[in-house]
Amino acid sequence: MVSIDAMGCQKKIAALIQERKADYLLGLKENQPELLEEVALAFVHHKTHSHDQQDTKGHGRVETRGCAK
């Protein structure tokens, strides 16, 4: 499993990860509103069994990361 930041969203990097048969997790931010909406709609009918949230401060901003499964 590869967890990567925005750099991994480049098509060449994502393709290389897939070519090597790896799974990957890419962060999705609100600066990609159409993609964010598409992903959110894909999970509308899934029930959440658990949720974890992490709030951090750094680089002059507050970041909130959440994961539901």
N, C-alpha and C. Protein backbone atom coordinates (compact mmCIF):
# COMPACT_ATOMS: atom_id res chain seq x y z
N MET A 1 0.86 -1.17 0.00
CA MET A 1 0.00 0.00 0.00
C MET A 1 0.90 1.23 0.00
N VAL A 2 0.66 2.10 -0.96
CA VAL A 2 1.40 3.35 -1.06
C VAL A 2 0.48 4.48 -0.66
N SER A 3 0.89 5.27 0.31
CA SER A 3 0.16 6.48 0.71
C SER A 3 1.01 7.66 0.27
N ILE A 4 0.44 8.52 -0.56
CA ILE A 4 1.24 9.58 -1.17
C ILE A 4 0.44 10.87 -1.22
N ASP A 5 1.15 11.98 -1.20
CA ASP A 5 0.48 13.28 -1.22
C ASP A 5 0.18 13.72 -2.65
N ALA A 6 0.01 15.00 -2.86
CA ALA A 6 -0.40 15.53 -4.16
C ALA A 6 0.56 15.13 -5.29
N MET A 7 1.82 14.92 -4.97
CA MET A 7 2.80 14.51 -5.99
C MET A 7 2.34 13.22 -6.68
N GLY A 8 1.69 12.34 -5.94
CA GLY A 8 1.23 11.07 -6.49
C GLY A 8 0.04 11.20 -7.40
N CYS A 9 -0.55 12.37 -7.47
CA CYS A 9 -1.69 12.57 -8.35
C CYS A 9 -1.27 12.80 -9.80
N GLN A 10 0.01 12.92 -10.04
CA GLN A 10 0.48 13.04 -11.41
C GLN A 10 0.23 11.72 -12.12
N LYS A 11 -0.27 11.81 -13.35
CA LYS A 11 -0.67 10.61 -14.07
C LYS A 11 0.46 9.60 -14.23
N LYS A 12 1.68 10.05 -14.47
CA LYS A 12 2.80 9.13 -14.66
C LYS A 12 3.11 8.36 -13.38
N ILE A 13 3.05 9.04 -12.25
CA ILE A 13 3.34 8.38 -10.97
C ILE A 13 2.25 7.37 -10.63
N ALA A 14 0.97 7.76 -10.79
CA ALA A 14 -0.14 6.84 -10.51
C ALA A 14 -0.07 5.62 -11.43
N ALA A 15 0.28 5.83 -12.71
CA ALA A 15 0.38 4.71 -13.65
C ALA A 15 1.50 3.75 -13.24
N LEU A 16 2.62 4.28 -12.78
CA LEU A 16 3.74 3.44 -12.35
C LEU A 16 3.35 2.59 -11.14
N ILE A 17 2.63 3.17 -10.22
CA ILE A 17 2.16 2.42 -9.05
C ILE A 17 1.25 1.28 -9.49
N GLN A 18 0.34 1.56 -10.41
CA GLN A 18 -0.57 0.53 -10.91
C GLN A 18 0.18 -0.54 -11.69
N GLU A 19 1.15 -0.16 -12.50
CA GLU A 19 1.93 -1.13 -13.27
C GLU A 19 2.62 -2.13 -12.36
N ARG A 20 3.00 -1.69 -11.19
CA ARG A 20 3.69 -2.58 -10.24
C ARG A 20 2.72 -3.33 -9.35
N LYS A 21 1.44 -3.28 -9.71
CA LYS A 21 0.37 -4.01 -9.01
C LYS A 21 0.25 -3.61 -7.54
N ALA A 22 0.56 -2.36 -7.23
CA ALA A 22 0.44 -1.87 -5.86
C ALA A 22 -0.91 -1.17 -5.67
N ASP A 23 -1.37 -1.15 -4.45
CA ASP A 23 -2.55 -0.35 -4.09
C ASP A 23 -2.05 1.00 -3.63
N TYR A 24 -2.85 2.03 -3.84
CA TYR A 24 -2.41 3.34 -3.38
C TYR A 24 -3.57 4.16 -2.85
N LEU A 25 -3.23 5.06 -2.00
CA LEU A 25 -4.18 5.95 -1.35
C LEU A 25 -3.72 7.37 -1.64
N LEU A 26 -4.57 8.14 -2.32
CA LEU A 26 -4.24 9.52 -2.64
C LEU A 26 -5.14 10.45 -1.84
N GLY A 27 -4.55 11.50 -1.31
CA GLY A 27 -5.33 12.50 -0.59
C GLY A 27 -6.16 13.32 -1.56
N LEU A 28 -7.39 13.60 -1.20
CA LEU A 28 -8.27 14.40 -2.04
C LEU A 28 -8.66 15.65 -1.26
N LYS A 29 -8.40 16.80 -1.86
CA LYS A 29 -8.67 18.07 -1.19
C LYS A 29 -9.80 18.82 -1.88
N GLU A 30 -10.28 19.83 -1.21
CA GLU A 30 -11.41 20.60 -1.74
C GLU A 30 -11.04 21.46 -2.94
N ASN A 31 -9.75 21.54 -3.31
CA ASN A 31 -9.39 22.33 -4.48
C ASN A 31 -9.65 21.56 -5.77
N GLN A 32 -10.20 20.37 -5.66
CA GLN A 32 -10.64 19.57 -6.80
C GLN A 32 -12.14 19.28 -6.60
N PRO A 33 -13.00 20.32 -6.67
CA PRO A 33 -14.40 20.15 -6.28
C PRO A 33 -15.17 19.11 -7.09
N GLU A 34 -14.93 19.01 -8.39
CA GLU A 34 -15.66 18.03 -9.19
C GLU A 34 -15.27 16.60 -8.81
N LEU A 35 -13.98 16.36 -8.63
CA LEU A 35 -13.52 15.04 -8.23
C LEU A 35 -14.00 14.70 -6.83
N LEU A 36 -13.95 15.67 -5.92
CA LEU A 36 -14.42 15.46 -4.55
C LEU A 36 -15.90 15.07 -4.54
N GLU A 37 -16.71 15.75 -5.35
CA GLU A 37 -18.14 15.42 -5.42
C GLU A 37 -18.35 14.03 -6.00
N GLU A 38 -17.59 13.68 -7.03
CA GLU A 38 -17.71 12.36 -7.65
C GLU A 38 -17.39 11.25 -6.65
N VAL A 39 -16.33 11.44 -5.89
CA VAL A 39 -15.94 10.43 -4.90
C VAL A 39 -16.98 10.37 -3.78
N ALA A 40 -17.44 11.52 -3.32
CA ALA A 40 -18.45 11.55 -2.25
C ALA A 40 -19.71 10.82 -2.69
N LEU A 41 -20.14 11.03 -3.93
CA LEU A 41 -21.34 10.35 -4.43
C LEU A 41 -21.16 8.84 -4.51
N ALA A 42 -19.94 8.39 -4.74
CA ALA A 42 -19.68 6.95 -4.81
C ALA A 42 -19.90 6.28 -3.46
N PHE A 43 -19.83 7.04 -2.37
CA PHE A 43 -19.96 6.47 -1.03
C PHE A 43 -21.27 6.82 -0.35
N VAL A 44 -22.19 7.45 -1.05
CA VAL A 44 -23.46 7.88 -0.46
C VAL A 44 -24.23 6.71 0.14
N HIS A 45 -24.23 5.59 -0.53
CA HIS A 45 -25.05 4.46 -0.09
C HIS A 45 -24.31 3.47 0.81
N HIS A 46 -23.09 3.78 1.16
CA HIS A 46 -22.32 2.91 2.05
C HIS A 46 -22.49 3.38 3.49
N LYS A 47 -22.77 2.45 4.38
CA LYS A 47 -22.91 2.78 5.79
C LYS A 47 -21.54 2.75 6.45
N THR A 48 -21.30 3.74 7.29
CA THR A 48 -20.04 3.83 8.01
C THR A 48 -20.09 2.95 9.25
N HIS A 49 -19.08 2.11 9.43
CA HIS A 49 -19.00 1.25 10.60
C HIS A 49 -18.11 1.87 11.68
N SER A 50 -17.09 2.61 11.25
CA SER A 50 -16.22 3.29 12.20
C SER A 50 -15.64 4.53 11.52
N HIS A 51 -15.17 5.45 12.33
CA HIS A 51 -14.64 6.70 11.81
C HIS A 51 -13.47 7.15 12.68
N ASP A 52 -12.45 7.68 12.05
CA ASP A 52 -11.32 8.24 12.78
C ASP A 52 -11.02 9.60 12.18
N GLN A 53 -10.72 10.56 13.03
CA GLN A 53 -10.40 11.91 12.56
C GLN A 53 -9.14 12.40 13.24
N GLN A 54 -8.31 13.08 12.48
CA GLN A 54 -7.05 13.61 12.99
C GLN A 54 -6.96 15.08 12.61
N ASP A 55 -6.74 15.95 13.59
CA ASP A 55 -6.58 17.38 13.37
C ASP A 55 -5.14 17.75 13.69
N THR A 56 -4.48 18.42 12.74
CA THR A 56 -3.10 18.84 12.95
C THR A 56 -2.93 20.30 12.54
N LYS A 57 -1.94 20.93 13.12
CA LYS A 57 -1.60 22.31 12.77
C LYS A 57 -0.18 22.31 12.23
N GLY A 58 0.04 23.02 11.15
CA GLY A 58 1.37 23.12 10.58
C GLY A 58 1.37 23.97 9.34
N HIS A 59 2.49 24.56 9.06
CA HIS A 59 2.65 25.39 7.86
C HIS A 59 1.61 26.51 7.81
N GLY A 60 1.22 27.02 8.97
CA GLY A 60 0.28 28.13 9.02
C GLY A 60 -1.17 27.77 8.75
N ARG A 61 -1.51 26.49 8.86
CA ARG A 61 -2.90 26.08 8.60
C ARG A 61 -3.30 24.92 9.51
N VAL A 62 -4.58 24.70 9.61
CA VAL A 62 -5.12 23.56 10.36
C VAL A 62 -5.61 22.54 9.32
N GLU A 63 -5.22 21.30 9.48
CA GLU A 63 -5.62 20.24 8.57
C GLU A 63 -6.44 19.21 9.33
N THR A 64 -7.54 18.78 8.73
CA THR A 64 -8.37 17.74 9.30
C THR A 64 -8.40 16.58 8.33
N ARG A 65 -8.04 15.42 8.82
CA ARG A 65 -8.08 14.20 8.00
C ARG A 65 -9.05 13.23 8.64
N GLY A 66 -9.89 12.64 7.81
CA GLY A 66 -10.87 11.70 8.33
C GLY A 66 -10.87 10.43 7.51
N CYS A 67 -11.22 9.34 8.16
CA CYS A 67 -11.30 8.06 7.47
C CYS A 67 -12.49 7.31 8.04
N ALA A 68 -13.36 6.85 7.16
CA ALA A 68 -14.51 6.06 7.57
C ALA A 68 -14.45 4.73 6.86
N LYS A 69 -14.81 3.68 7.57
CA LYS A 69 -14.87 2.38 6.90
C LYS A 69 -16.06 1.61 7.38
